[in-house]
């Protein structure tokens, strides 16, 4: 059995499907489990919260592997992550896969990613067979443009021509699925901590992303470049200050390591990473 946190999220939904398609029994954990989901073959939905180890004890019972992803306020604060790892170990979990961030390595002092670094440290100290995934920016961040694309066929964003190798969340889920199942597949486990940096297969700027979405829609979408100050004001409406500054730093002045196209997706999956065009094609309805 595999316990998946964040099961209704961007990565979690795909991960649950991949695991059940592979014949795994899954406990899908979210803070508000979906109604009517208990009939999905191979999936048991449970209420739980990775920031509350006590709430995870029941969903972890009988699990051999645990997928951890943070979201919302957990990226800023919460109880000591060692409590969750201890609960997993007490339940007999053999393997943990954590979604962290590329920034945890490239900007180790960034306050915006301090919480993820705490989780990485707890995973490493747990003694469990573990994989830490460090994705770069998500292709799905383009969903933030969906409303103005639908209503105005316009995107307002900063740093129009700064290109980054954004990663398809489906690839993150696919790598996680393979790593979660590796104890069964190799029959051994015990290989300590693996770290994978996950990126897309090409550098692509916001302006180029909008052009791809425009092509998928078959309609012109206008790009309007915001200044850093304008972008800061917009993002501050729903993000804490340190997260806004950290995000703008990466988007506007990426370090060489953040602009590098990685090979870990292809290494793990045995196929090339998916590009932004593939992601946009699968999700074009969100922009119509």
Protein backbone atom coordinates (compact mmCIF):
# COMPACT_ATOMS: atom_id res chain seq x y z
CA UNK A 1 0.00 0.00 0.00
CA UNK A 2 1.19 3.53 -0.82
CA UNK A 3 0.02 6.64 1.00
CA UNK A 4 -0.18 9.76 -1.16
CA UNK A 5 -0.57 13.18 0.45
CA UNK A 6 -1.87 16.12 -1.54
CA UNK A 7 -3.91 13.61 -3.51
CA UNK A 8 -6.26 16.22 -4.98
CA UNK A 9 -3.41 18.51 -6.06
CA UNK A 10 -1.60 19.12 -9.32
CA UNK A 11 0.85 16.25 -8.87
CA UNK A 12 -1.20 14.06 -6.56
CA UNK A 13 -4.17 13.51 -8.87
CA UNK A 14 -1.92 12.16 -11.62
CA UNK A 15 0.16 10.15 -9.17
CA UNK A 16 -2.88 8.37 -7.74
CA UNK A 17 -3.96 7.40 -11.26
CA UNK A 18 -0.49 6.15 -12.20
CA UNK A 19 -0.19 4.02 -9.08
CA UNK A 20 -3.61 2.44 -9.40
CA UNK A 21 -3.01 1.75 -13.09
CA UNK A 22 0.12 -0.10 -11.99
CA UNK A 23 -1.95 -2.26 -9.66
CA UNK A 24 -1.06 -0.52 -6.41
CA UNK A 25 -3.42 -0.04 -3.48
CA UNK A 26 -3.44 3.66 -2.63
CA UNK A 27 -4.55 5.66 0.38
CA UNK A 28 -5.23 9.10 -1.09
CA UNK A 29 -4.89 11.76 1.60
CA UNK A 30 -6.18 15.30 1.46
CA UNK A 31 -7.44 17.83 3.95
CA UNK A 32 -10.89 17.55 2.41
CA UNK A 33 -11.32 14.15 0.74
CA UNK A 34 -13.43 14.12 -2.40
CA UNK A 35 -17.02 13.08 -1.95
CA UNK A 36 -18.09 9.89 -3.67
CA UNK A 37 -14.52 8.79 -4.36
CA UNK A 38 -14.54 5.59 -2.33
CA UNK A 39 -15.77 3.59 -5.33
CA UNK A 40 -12.58 4.21 -7.33
CA UNK A 41 -10.92 0.76 -7.59
CA UNK A 42 -7.74 0.49 -5.56
CA UNK A 43 -8.15 3.88 -3.87
CA UNK A 44 -9.20 4.61 -0.30
CA UNK A 45 -9.63 8.30 0.47
CA UNK A 46 -8.64 9.59 3.89
CA UNK A 47 -8.55 12.93 5.65
CA UNK A 48 -5.11 14.00 6.83
CA UNK A 49 -2.55 16.77 6.84
CA UNK A 50 1.23 16.50 6.49
CA UNK A 51 1.51 19.36 8.99
CA UNK A 52 -0.31 17.30 11.63
CA UNK A 53 1.44 13.98 12.24
CA UNK A 54 -1.35 12.72 14.48
CA UNK A 55 -3.83 13.02 11.60
CA UNK A 56 -1.54 10.89 9.42
CA UNK A 57 -1.23 7.89 11.69
CA UNK A 58 -4.38 6.18 10.40
CA UNK A 59 -3.65 6.83 6.68
CA UNK A 60 -0.12 5.46 7.20
CA UNK A 61 -1.21 2.20 8.81
CA UNK A 62 -0.10 -0.67 6.59
CA UNK A 63 1.71 1.56 4.08
CA UNK A 64 5.11 0.60 2.72
CA UNK A 65 5.71 3.94 0.97
CA UNK A 66 4.77 7.58 1.53
CA UNK A 67 4.58 10.50 -0.88
CA UNK A 68 4.96 13.95 0.71
CA UNK A 69 4.09 17.23 -0.96
CA UNK A 70 3.60 20.54 0.81
CA UNK A 71 1.06 23.12 -0.16
CA UNK A 72 -0.42 26.40 0.93
CA UNK A 73 0.55 27.54 4.40
CA UNK A 74 2.75 24.48 4.95
CA UNK A 75 5.35 26.14 2.75
CA UNK A 76 5.72 28.78 5.47
CA UNK A 77 5.12 27.17 8.85
CA UNK A 78 3.92 24.08 10.70
CA UNK A 79 5.00 21.50 13.24
CA UNK A 80 8.41 19.86 13.16
CA UNK A 81 8.51 17.60 10.06
CA UNK A 82 10.42 15.02 12.09
CA UNK A 83 7.08 14.15 13.71
CA UNK A 84 5.63 13.07 10.36
CA UNK A 85 8.71 11.02 9.50
CA UNK A 86 8.60 9.38 12.92
CA UNK A 87 4.93 8.49 12.40
CA UNK A 88 5.82 6.97 9.03
CA UNK A 89 8.64 4.94 10.52
CA UNK A 90 6.42 3.75 13.39
CA UNK A 91 3.82 2.62 10.84
CA UNK A 92 6.38 0.46 9.03
CA UNK A 93 6.88 2.71 5.99
CA UNK A 94 10.01 1.65 4.10
CA UNK A 95 10.24 4.40 1.50
CA UNK A 96 9.56 8.13 1.28
CA UNK A 97 9.39 10.42 -1.74
CA UNK A 98 9.40 14.16 -1.01
CA UNK A 99 8.67 16.94 -3.48
CA UNK A 100 11.02 19.80 -2.63
CA UNK A 101 12.28 22.47 -5.04
CA UNK A 102 15.28 23.22 -7.19
CA UNK A 103 15.63 26.45 -5.22
CA UNK A 104 16.39 24.47 -2.07
CA UNK A 105 19.76 23.71 -3.67
CA UNK A 106 20.39 26.74 -5.87
CA UNK A 107 19.50 29.34 -3.21
CA UNK A 108 20.13 27.58 0.12
CA UNK A 109 19.61 30.74 2.16
CA UNK A 110 16.35 31.80 0.51
CA UNK A 111 13.77 32.35 3.30
CA UNK A 112 10.96 31.45 0.88
CA UNK A 113 12.15 27.82 0.83
CA UNK A 114 13.22 27.37 4.44
CA UNK A 115 10.31 25.04 5.15
CA UNK A 116 11.18 22.74 2.27
CA UNK A 117 14.76 22.59 3.50
CA UNK A 118 13.45 21.53 6.91
CA UNK A 119 11.53 18.69 5.29
CA UNK A 120 14.57 17.64 3.27
CA UNK A 121 16.64 17.52 6.47
CA UNK A 122 13.98 15.47 8.26
CA UNK A 123 13.78 13.00 5.38
CA UNK A 124 17.55 12.59 5.35
CA UNK A 125 17.67 12.08 9.11
CA UNK A 126 14.80 9.56 9.15
CA UNK A 127 16.94 6.63 8.07
CA UNK A 128 14.25 5.61 5.60
CA UNK A 129 14.98 4.77 1.98
CA UNK A 130 14.19 8.12 0.38
CA UNK A 131 14.01 10.17 -2.79
CA UNK A 132 13.99 13.96 -2.85
CA UNK A 133 12.55 15.51 -6.01
CA UNK A 134 13.66 19.05 -6.81
CA UNK A 135 11.56 20.35 -9.72
CA UNK A 136 12.08 23.72 -11.31
CA UNK A 137 9.13 25.93 -12.23
CA UNK A 138 5.93 24.11 -13.15
CA UNK A 139 4.36 24.37 -16.60
CA UNK A 140 1.05 24.50 -14.74
CA UNK A 141 1.94 27.90 -13.28
CA UNK A 142 0.50 29.14 -16.60
CA UNK A 143 -2.95 28.43 -15.13
CA UNK A 144 -2.50 31.80 -13.38
CA UNK A 145 -3.11 33.35 -16.80
CA UNK A 146 -6.28 31.42 -17.50
CA UNK A 147 -8.77 34.06 -16.41
CA UNK A 148 -7.36 36.90 -18.52
CA UNK A 149 -6.83 34.60 -21.47
CA UNK A 150 -10.48 33.50 -21.32
CA UNK A 151 -11.88 36.99 -20.81
CA UNK A 152 -9.42 39.25 -22.65
CA UNK A 153 -7.20 36.94 -24.73
CA UNK A 154 -4.34 38.72 -22.94
CA UNK A 155 -1.59 37.72 -20.52
CA UNK A 156 -0.04 40.17 -18.07
CA UNK A 157 3.31 38.92 -16.75
CA UNK A 158 6.86 40.07 -16.01
CA UNK A 159 10.17 39.07 -17.56
CA UNK A 160 8.74 38.32 -20.98
CA UNK A 161 11.91 36.94 -22.52
CA UNK A 162 13.62 35.24 -19.57
CA UNK A 163 13.56 31.54 -20.42
CA UNK A 164 13.48 28.65 -17.95
CA UNK A 165 13.11 24.86 -18.44
CA UNK A 166 9.64 24.53 -16.88
CA UNK A 167 8.63 20.99 -15.98
CA UNK A 168 5.35 19.21 -16.72
CA UNK A 169 3.80 18.16 -13.37
CA UNK A 170 2.83 14.86 -15.02
CA UNK A 171 6.54 14.07 -15.29
CA UNK A 172 7.01 14.81 -11.59
CA UNK A 173 4.18 12.38 -10.85
CA UNK A 174 5.67 9.74 -13.14
CA UNK A 175 9.08 9.98 -11.47
CA UNK A 176 7.44 9.84 -8.05
CA UNK A 177 5.43 6.75 -9.03
CA UNK A 178 8.53 4.91 -10.17
CA UNK A 179 10.45 5.82 -7.03
CA UNK A 180 7.58 4.90 -4.72
CA UNK A 181 7.36 1.46 -6.33
CA UNK A 182 11.11 0.83 -6.51
CA UNK A 183 11.19 -1.13 -3.24
CA UNK A 184 8.96 -3.75 -4.83
CA UNK A 185 10.69 -3.61 -8.20
CA UNK A 186 14.30 -3.99 -7.04
CA UNK A 187 13.42 -6.18 -4.09
CA UNK A 188 16.10 -4.57 -1.99
CA UNK A 189 15.61 -0.90 -1.18
CA UNK A 190 18.16 0.46 1.23
CA UNK A 191 19.89 2.71 -1.29
CA UNK A 192 19.78 5.72 1.07
CA UNK A 193 18.73 9.09 -0.31
CA UNK A 194 18.45 9.86 -4.02
CA UNK A 195 18.05 13.41 -5.26
CA UNK A 196 16.63 14.20 -8.70
CA UNK A 197 16.44 17.64 -10.28
CA UNK A 198 13.43 17.71 -12.59
CA UNK A 199 13.12 20.12 -15.52
CA UNK A 200 11.49 20.27 -18.90
CA UNK A 201 13.39 19.50 -22.12
CA UNK A 202 13.86 23.09 -23.29
CA UNK A 203 14.18 26.68 -22.20
CA UNK A 204 10.98 28.61 -22.79
CA UNK A 205 10.11 32.20 -21.90
CA UNK A 206 6.71 33.53 -20.77
CA UNK A 207 6.25 35.17 -24.17
CA UNK A 208 6.97 31.83 -25.88
CA UNK A 209 4.60 30.01 -23.52
CA UNK A 210 1.83 32.39 -24.44
CA UNK A 211 2.54 31.78 -28.13
CA UNK A 212 2.20 28.04 -27.53
CA UNK A 213 -1.12 28.50 -25.73
CA UNK A 214 -2.27 30.79 -28.54
CA UNK A 215 -1.46 28.11 -31.10
CA UNK A 216 -3.31 25.48 -29.05
CA UNK A 217 -6.36 27.73 -28.89
CA UNK A 218 -6.15 28.70 -32.55
CA UNK A 219 -6.62 32.34 -31.50
CA UNK A 220 -4.24 35.20 -30.90
CA UNK A 221 -3.30 35.92 -27.28
CA UNK A 222 -1.58 39.22 -26.54
CA UNK A 223 1.34 39.42 -24.13
CA UNK A 224 1.64 42.55 -21.96
CA UNK A 225 4.86 42.75 -19.99
CA UNK A 226 4.63 43.94 -16.39
CA UNK A 227 7.43 45.65 -14.52
CA UNK A 228 8.81 43.84 -11.47
CA UNK A 229 7.00 46.36 -9.28
CA UNK A 230 3.67 45.73 -11.02
CA UNK A 231 4.14 41.98 -10.76
CA UNK A 232 5.07 42.29 -7.09
CA UNK A 233 1.88 44.20 -6.34
CA UNK A 234 -0.26 41.60 -8.11
CA UNK A 235 1.41 38.61 -6.45
CA UNK A 236 1.36 40.18 -2.98
CA UNK A 237 -2.41 39.89 -2.98
CA UNK A 238 -2.17 36.13 -2.47
CA UNK A 239 1.45 35.32 -1.55
CA UNK A 240 3.58 36.22 1.50
CA UNK A 241 6.25 38.83 0.92
CA UNK A 242 9.23 36.48 1.10
CA UNK A 243 7.61 34.12 -1.39
CA UNK A 244 6.91 37.00 -3.78
CA UNK A 245 10.49 38.24 -3.65
CA UNK A 246 11.94 34.74 -4.01
CA UNK A 247 9.73 33.93 -6.98
CA UNK A 248 10.54 37.17 -8.77
CA UNK A 249 14.26 36.64 -8.19
CA UNK A 250 14.13 33.25 -9.90
CA UNK A 251 11.87 34.38 -12.73
CA UNK A 252 13.76 37.57 -13.43
CA UNK A 253 17.39 36.69 -12.72
CA UNK A 254 17.78 32.90 -12.76
CA UNK A 255 21.10 31.46 -11.71
CA UNK A 256 22.97 29.31 -14.25
CA UNK A 257 21.83 26.13 -12.47
CA UNK A 258 18.20 27.28 -12.70
CA UNK A 259 18.51 27.83 -16.44
CA UNK A 260 20.07 24.43 -17.10
CA UNK A 261 18.05 21.73 -18.83
CA UNK A 262 18.40 18.64 -16.67
CA UNK A 263 18.46 14.98 -17.64
CA UNK A 264 17.02 13.30 -14.55
CA UNK A 265 13.47 12.91 -15.92
CA UNK A 266 14.83 11.01 -18.91
CA UNK A 267 17.21 9.00 -16.74
CA UNK A 268 14.46 7.80 -14.41
CA UNK A 269 11.67 7.32 -16.94
CA UNK A 270 13.68 6.17 -19.95
CA UNK A 271 12.01 8.74 -22.18
CA UNK A 272 12.40 12.47 -22.80
CA UNK A 273 10.76 14.95 -20.48
CA UNK A 274 7.50 16.41 -21.78
CA UNK A 275 7.58 19.90 -23.25
CA UNK A 276 5.34 22.88 -22.59
CA UNK A 277 3.44 22.31 -25.82
CA UNK A 278 2.31 18.90 -24.65
CA UNK A 279 1.15 20.29 -21.33
CA UNK A 280 -0.71 23.14 -23.05
CA UNK A 281 -2.39 20.76 -25.48
CA UNK A 282 -3.71 18.58 -22.67
CA UNK A 283 -4.98 21.59 -20.70
CA UNK A 284 -6.18 23.91 -23.44
CA UNK A 285 -9.78 23.81 -22.19
CA UNK A 286 -8.74 25.82 -19.14
CA UNK A 287 -7.96 28.75 -21.44
CA UNK A 288 -11.02 28.67 -23.71
